[in-house]
C-alpha cells in the first residue's frame, strides 16, 4: 500500500466524492439529467462529485491547477502541478444502473503524470499508483499479465459513440484486431479498462478521441504495474487523444495490428 501524503490527499478526496455518487446510483431512476451532446449525458451527480473533488483537493493543495471534464481548465498559481479529474467515468453505465463506473483523479507534475487513483465504487475496488511506489488495488500489488501469445490475449477498446466521429477508422482497426487476438471487450469506462490491464485482467487496450482525465490515472497504474503506455497520435502524454497500453508483448502486438488497418 502507498502511504504518502499525496496519496492520502487523493484517496480522501475520491472517497468523499464517492459517497455522493453511491447515493445517487441507488436512486438512478429519479436522477435528473441534462443533455450535453448526442448520446453523451451529464448528470447532477457528475457535477456534484466534481465540486466535492475540487474543494477537497484545493484545500489540501492550494495553488494547483485543474483539468476537469465538466468545468474545463482552471489555472493555478503553481504552474508545475495540475489535477486531471473525471468525477464520473462511465456515465452511460451509471445512468442505466450498470455497476461499472468510477471516479478518476491524477496529478500531473512538470508535464508528467506521477500519481493516479481510480475508484470503482460499485464494486469497492480502489486502484492507486504513484511514480516509483508501485500500483495496488485494495492493498494488493498489481502486475500486468504475463501472456505473450496474441491468440491468448484479451483486448479492451472504446467504441466511438454517436456524434463523436471516427466510426470508419474504428471498424477498420477492429477488423484488424479481431483475427489476431482471443477476444475484444468494450465495457463502457476507459479508466477502468486501463486499470484492468494494469491488474492483468486484460492484456492490452487502445482507444482514440479520449481526454487526459480519461487515461491519466491509468497511465500511472500501467507503468507502475510493469506495462507500457503510449500514444497513437504522436502527441505528448499530457495532451494526447489516442492511446495504447498493455503488457509489453500485448502492446507491441496490438500496435502492429493497428498499423495494418492504416495501411
Protein backbone atom coordinates (compact mmCIF):
# COMPACT_ATOMS: atom_id res chain seq x y z
CA UNK A 1 0.00 0.00 0.00
CA UNK A 2 1.12 3.58 -0.67
CA UNK A 3 1.05 5.77 2.42
CA UNK A 4 2.49 9.01 1.05
CA UNK A 5 0.88 12.37 1.95
CA UNK A 6 -0.02 12.87 -1.71
CA UNK A 7 -1.85 9.56 -1.97
CA UNK A 8 -3.69 10.24 1.28
CA UNK A 9 -4.94 13.56 -0.13
CA UNK A 10 -6.08 11.91 -3.36
CA UNK A 11 -7.81 8.91 -1.84
CA UNK A 12 -9.55 11.00 0.83
CA UNK A 13 -10.98 13.30 -1.87
CA UNK A 14 -12.10 10.39 -4.04
CA UNK A 15 -13.77 8.54 -1.17
CA UNK A 16 -15.60 11.69 -0.13
CA UNK A 17 -16.97 12.19 -3.66
CA UNK A 18 -17.88 8.52 -3.94
CA UNK A 19 -20.35 8.72 -1.05
CA UNK A 20 -22.45 11.21 -3.02
CA UNK A 21 -22.30 9.11 -6.20
CA UNK A 22 -23.24 5.91 -4.39
CA UNK A 23 -26.38 7.57 -3.06
CA UNK A 24 -27.32 8.83 -6.50
CA UNK A 25 -26.61 5.47 -8.12
CA UNK A 26 -29.11 3.93 -5.73
CA UNK A 27 -31.69 6.45 -6.91
CA UNK A 28 -30.71 6.36 -10.57
CA UNK A 29 -34.30 6.16 -11.81
CA UNK A 30 -35.05 9.55 -10.28
CA UNK A 31 -31.83 11.22 -11.39
CA UNK A 32 -32.31 14.42 -13.38
CA UNK A 33 -30.06 14.67 -16.41
CA UNK A 34 -29.13 17.40 -18.85
CA UNK A 35 -28.22 16.69 -22.47
CA UNK A 36 -24.69 17.81 -23.31
CA UNK A 37 -24.48 16.31 -26.78
CA UNK A 38 -25.80 13.37 -28.80
CA UNK A 39 -25.57 10.22 -26.74
CA UNK A 40 -23.49 11.94 -24.08
CA UNK A 41 -25.32 12.81 -20.87
CA UNK A 42 -24.19 14.60 -17.80
CA UNK A 43 -25.99 14.19 -14.52
CA UNK A 44 -26.35 16.37 -11.49
CA UNK A 45 -24.40 13.66 -9.72
CA UNK A 46 -21.47 14.27 -12.09
CA UNK A 47 -21.34 17.99 -11.30
CA UNK A 48 -21.76 17.44 -7.57
CA UNK A 49 -18.92 14.90 -7.44
CA UNK A 50 -16.62 17.26 -9.34
CA UNK A 51 -17.38 20.08 -6.90
CA UNK A 52 -16.56 17.80 -3.94
CA UNK A 53 -13.28 16.69 -5.53
CA UNK A 54 -12.19 20.19 -6.43
CA UNK A 55 -13.00 21.58 -3.00
CA UNK A 56 -11.10 18.80 -1.20
CA UNK A 57 -8.05 18.99 -3.47
CA UNK A 58 -7.90 22.80 -3.39
CA UNK A 59 -7.99 22.75 0.39
CA UNK A 60 -5.18 20.18 0.61
CA UNK A 61 -3.02 21.58 -2.20
CA UNK A 62 -3.84 25.26 -2.75
CA UNK A 63 -2.48 26.72 -5.95
CA UNK A 64 -2.58 23.54 -8.03
CA UNK A 65 -4.37 23.83 -11.38
CA UNK A 66 -7.20 21.64 -12.65
CA UNK A 67 -8.16 19.92 -15.90
CA UNK A 68 -11.76 18.75 -15.41
CA UNK A 69 -14.38 17.09 -17.55
CA UNK A 70 -17.24 19.37 -16.54
CA UNK A 71 -15.55 22.67 -15.63
CA UNK A 72 -12.63 22.65 -18.06
CA UNK A 73 -9.15 24.04 -17.35
CA UNK A 74 -8.54 26.13 -14.23
CA UNK A 75 -5.08 27.65 -13.99
CA UNK A 76 -3.39 27.62 -10.60
CA UNK A 77 -0.66 29.77 -9.12
CA UNK A 78 1.56 26.66 -9.02
CA UNK A 79 2.31 26.09 -12.70
CA UNK A 80 4.13 22.80 -12.08
CA UNK A 81 1.13 20.86 -10.73
CA UNK A 82 -2.29 20.11 -12.24
CA UNK A 83 -5.06 17.72 -11.23
CA UNK A 84 -6.81 15.80 -14.03
CA UNK A 85 -10.28 14.85 -12.82
CA UNK A 86 -13.12 12.73 -14.18
CA UNK A 87 -15.80 12.73 -11.46
CA UNK A 88 -17.84 10.06 -13.20
CA UNK A 89 -16.28 7.92 -15.91
CA UNK A 90 -18.85 5.53 -17.37
CA UNK A 91 -21.79 7.95 -17.27
CA UNK A 92 -23.96 5.84 -19.58
CA UNK A 93 -23.46 2.78 -17.37
CA UNK A 94 -24.29 4.87 -14.28
CA UNK A 95 -27.50 6.29 -15.72
CA UNK A 96 -28.71 2.84 -16.80
CA UNK A 97 -27.96 1.18 -13.49
CA UNK A 98 -24.97 -0.81 -14.78
CA UNK A 99 -22.45 -1.13 -11.91
CA UNK A 100 -19.33 -0.32 -13.92
CA UNK A 101 -18.26 3.31 -13.44
CA UNK A 102 -15.59 5.13 -11.48
CA UNK A 103 -14.03 8.30 -10.18
CA UNK A 104 -10.61 9.07 -11.65
CA UNK A 105 -8.03 11.58 -10.35
CA UNK A 106 -4.42 12.04 -11.49
CA UNK A 107 -1.67 14.51 -10.70
CA UNK A 108 0.47 15.99 -13.46
CA UNK A 109 3.78 17.43 -12.27
CA UNK A 110 6.22 19.09 -14.65
CA UNK A 111 4.46 17.58 -17.68
CA UNK A 112 4.42 14.03 -16.30
CA UNK A 113 1.59 12.07 -14.72
CA UNK A 114 3.01 10.99 -11.36
CA UNK A 115 0.06 9.68 -9.33
CA UNK A 116 -3.35 8.24 -10.05
CA UNK A 117 -6.45 6.98 -8.27
CA UNK A 118 -9.34 5.11 -9.91
CA UNK A 119 -12.18 4.10 -7.60
CA UNK A 120 -14.82 1.61 -8.72
CA UNK A 121 -17.36 2.48 -6.06
CA UNK A 122 -19.96 -0.09 -7.15
CA UNK A 123 -17.50 -2.96 -6.60
CA UNK A 124 -15.43 -1.18 -3.92
CA UNK A 125 -12.14 -1.57 -5.80
CA UNK A 126 -9.62 1.20 -5.19
CA UNK A 127 -6.81 1.30 -7.77
CA UNK A 128 -3.88 3.53 -6.80
CA UNK A 129 -0.39 4.22 -8.14
CA UNK A 130 2.40 6.70 -7.55
CA UNK A 131 5.60 7.06 -9.53
CA UNK A 132 8.31 4.85 -8.03
CA UNK A 133 5.97 3.41 -5.40
CA UNK A 134 4.08 0.72 -7.32
CA UNK A 135 0.43 0.10 -8.19
CA UNK A 136 -2.18 -1.51 -5.95
CA UNK A 137 -5.83 -2.48 -5.80
CA UNK A 138 -7.23 -2.73 -2.26
CA UNK A 139 -3.73 -3.25 -0.80
CA UNK A 140 -2.81 -5.95 -3.34
CA UNK A 141 0.16 -5.25 -5.61
CA UNK A 142 -0.72 -5.03 -9.29
CA UNK A 143 1.21 -6.56 -12.19
CA UNK A 144 0.29 -6.65 -15.84
CA UNK A 145 -0.34 -10.10 -17.28
CA UNK A 146 2.48 -12.37 -18.40
CA UNK A 147 0.76 -13.55 -21.58
CA UNK A 148 2.97 -13.47 -24.67
CA UNK A 149 0.83 -15.03 -27.42
CA UNK A 150 -1.73 -12.75 -29.11
CA UNK A 151 -4.10 -15.70 -29.57
CA UNK A 152 -4.34 -15.92 -25.76
CA UNK A 153 -4.86 -12.20 -25.18
CA UNK A 154 -7.99 -10.28 -24.22
CA UNK A 155 -8.03 -6.77 -25.69
CA UNK A 156 -10.01 -3.78 -24.47
CA UNK A 157 -11.17 -0.82 -26.53
CA UNK A 158 -13.62 2.04 -26.73
CA UNK A 159 -16.28 2.36 -29.42
CA UNK A 160 -16.93 5.91 -30.68
CA UNK A 161 -20.47 6.93 -29.79
CA UNK A 162 -22.98 8.80 -31.93
CA UNK A 163 -21.79 12.32 -32.68
CA UNK A 164 -18.14 11.54 -32.00
CA UNK A 165 -16.96 10.50 -35.44
CA UNK A 166 -14.17 8.11 -36.30
CA UNK A 167 -16.56 5.20 -36.82
CA UNK A 168 -14.99 4.06 -40.09
CA UNK A 169 -11.48 4.09 -38.67
CA UNK A 170 -12.62 2.14 -35.62
CA UNK A 171 -14.27 -0.54 -37.75
CA UNK A 172 -11.10 -0.94 -39.82
CA UNK A 173 -8.99 -1.26 -36.68
CA UNK A 174 -11.40 -3.71 -35.06
CA UNK A 175 -11.34 -5.82 -38.22
CA UNK A 176 -7.53 -5.93 -37.97
CA UNK A 177 -7.56 -6.81 -34.27
CA UNK A 178 -10.27 -9.49 -34.14
CA UNK A 179 -8.48 -12.25 -36.14
CA UNK A 180 -5.24 -11.83 -34.18
CA UNK A 181 -6.41 -11.95 -30.56
CA UNK A 182 -8.57 -14.22 -28.41
CA UNK A 183 -11.34 -11.66 -27.89
CA UNK A 184 -12.19 -7.96 -27.57
CA UNK A 185 -14.13 -6.18 -24.82
CA UNK A 186 -15.88 -2.82 -24.58
CA UNK A 187 -17.07 -2.25 -21.02
CA UNK A 188 -18.02 1.43 -21.07
CA UNK A 189 -15.33 3.02 -18.90
CA UNK A 190 -11.90 3.85 -20.30
CA UNK A 191 -10.28 4.42 -16.91
CA UNK A 192 -11.48 1.06 -15.55
CA UNK A 193 -10.48 -0.73 -18.75
CA UNK A 194 -6.95 0.62 -18.33
CA UNK A 195 -6.95 -0.31 -14.64
CA UNK A 196 -7.96 -3.85 -15.66
CA UNK A 197 -4.94 -4.03 -17.95
CA UNK A 198 -2.75 -2.97 -15.02
CA UNK A 199 -4.36 -5.74 -12.95
CA UNK A 200 -3.68 -8.38 -15.62
CA UNK A 201 -7.39 -8.90 -16.30
CA UNK A 202 -6.95 -7.70 -19.87
CA UNK A 203 -3.71 -7.74 -21.83
CA UNK A 204 -3.82 -4.54 -23.90
CA UNK A 205 -6.09 -1.60 -24.68
CA UNK A 206 -6.48 1.11 -27.31
CA UNK A 207 -8.87 3.98 -27.82
CA UNK A 208 -8.99 7.18 -29.85
CA UNK A 209 -10.54 10.54 -29.05
CA UNK A 210 -10.02 10.46 -25.29
CA UNK A 211 -9.23 13.33 -22.93
CA UNK A 212 -6.45 13.31 -20.37
CA UNK A 213 -8.87 12.84 -17.47
CA UNK A 214 -9.92 9.54 -19.09
CA UNK A 215 -6.46 7.96 -19.02
CA UNK A 216 -4.04 9.98 -16.84
CA UNK A 217 -4.54 7.92 -13.69
CA UNK A 218 -4.47 4.70 -15.70
CA UNK A 219 -1.18 5.65 -17.34
CA UNK A 220 0.49 5.75 -13.92
CA UNK A 221 -1.12 2.43 -12.96
CA UNK A 222 0.09 0.71 -16.13
CA UNK A 223 3.69 1.86 -15.81
CA UNK A 224 3.90 1.09 -12.10
CA UNK A 225 2.43 -2.37 -12.79
CA UNK A 226 5.22 -3.12 -15.28
CA UNK A 227 3.36 -2.36 -18.50
CA UNK A 228 3.85 0.10 -21.34
CA UNK A 229 1.70 3.12 -22.13
CA UNK A 230 1.99 5.17 -25.31
CA UNK A 231 0.18 7.46 -27.72
CA UNK A 232 -1.08 6.68 -31.21
CA UNK A 233 -1.26 10.30 -32.34
CA UNK A 234 2.37 11.25 -31.68
CA UNK A 235 1.42 13.86 -29.10
CA UNK A 236 2.96 14.21 -25.63
CA UNK A 237 1.12 12.19 -22.99
CA UNK A 238 -0.32 15.29 -21.30
CA UNK A 239 -2.10 16.41 -24.49
CA UNK A 240 -2.73 13.11 -26.31
CA UNK A 241 -6.13 11.91 -27.53
CA UNK A 242 -5.30 8.45 -28.94
CA UNK A 243 -3.68 5.95 -26.58
CA UNK A 244 -2.45 2.36 -26.41
CA UNK A 245 -1.22 0.31 -23.46
CA UNK A 246 -0.65 -3.24 -22.29
CA UNK A 247 1.91 -5.69 -21.14
CA UNK A 248 4.97 -5.37 -23.35
CA UNK A 249 4.05 -8.20 -25.72
CA UNK A 250 0.39 -7.19 -25.87
CA UNK A 251 1.05 -3.52 -26.58
CA UNK A 252 3.54 -4.45 -29.31
CA UNK A 253 1.20 -6.95 -31.00
CA UNK A 254 -1.76 -4.56 -30.78
CA UNK A 255 0.30 -1.73 -32.24
CA UNK A 256 1.30 -3.92 -35.18
CA UNK A 257 -2.33 -4.90 -35.81
CA UNK A 258 -3.45 -1.26 -35.80
CA UNK A 259 -0.75 -0.34 -38.29
CA UNK A 260 -2.11 -2.89 -40.77
CA UNK A 261 -5.50 -1.15 -40.54
CA UNK A 262 -3.89 2.13 -41.56
CA UNK A 263 -2.01 0.62 -44.50
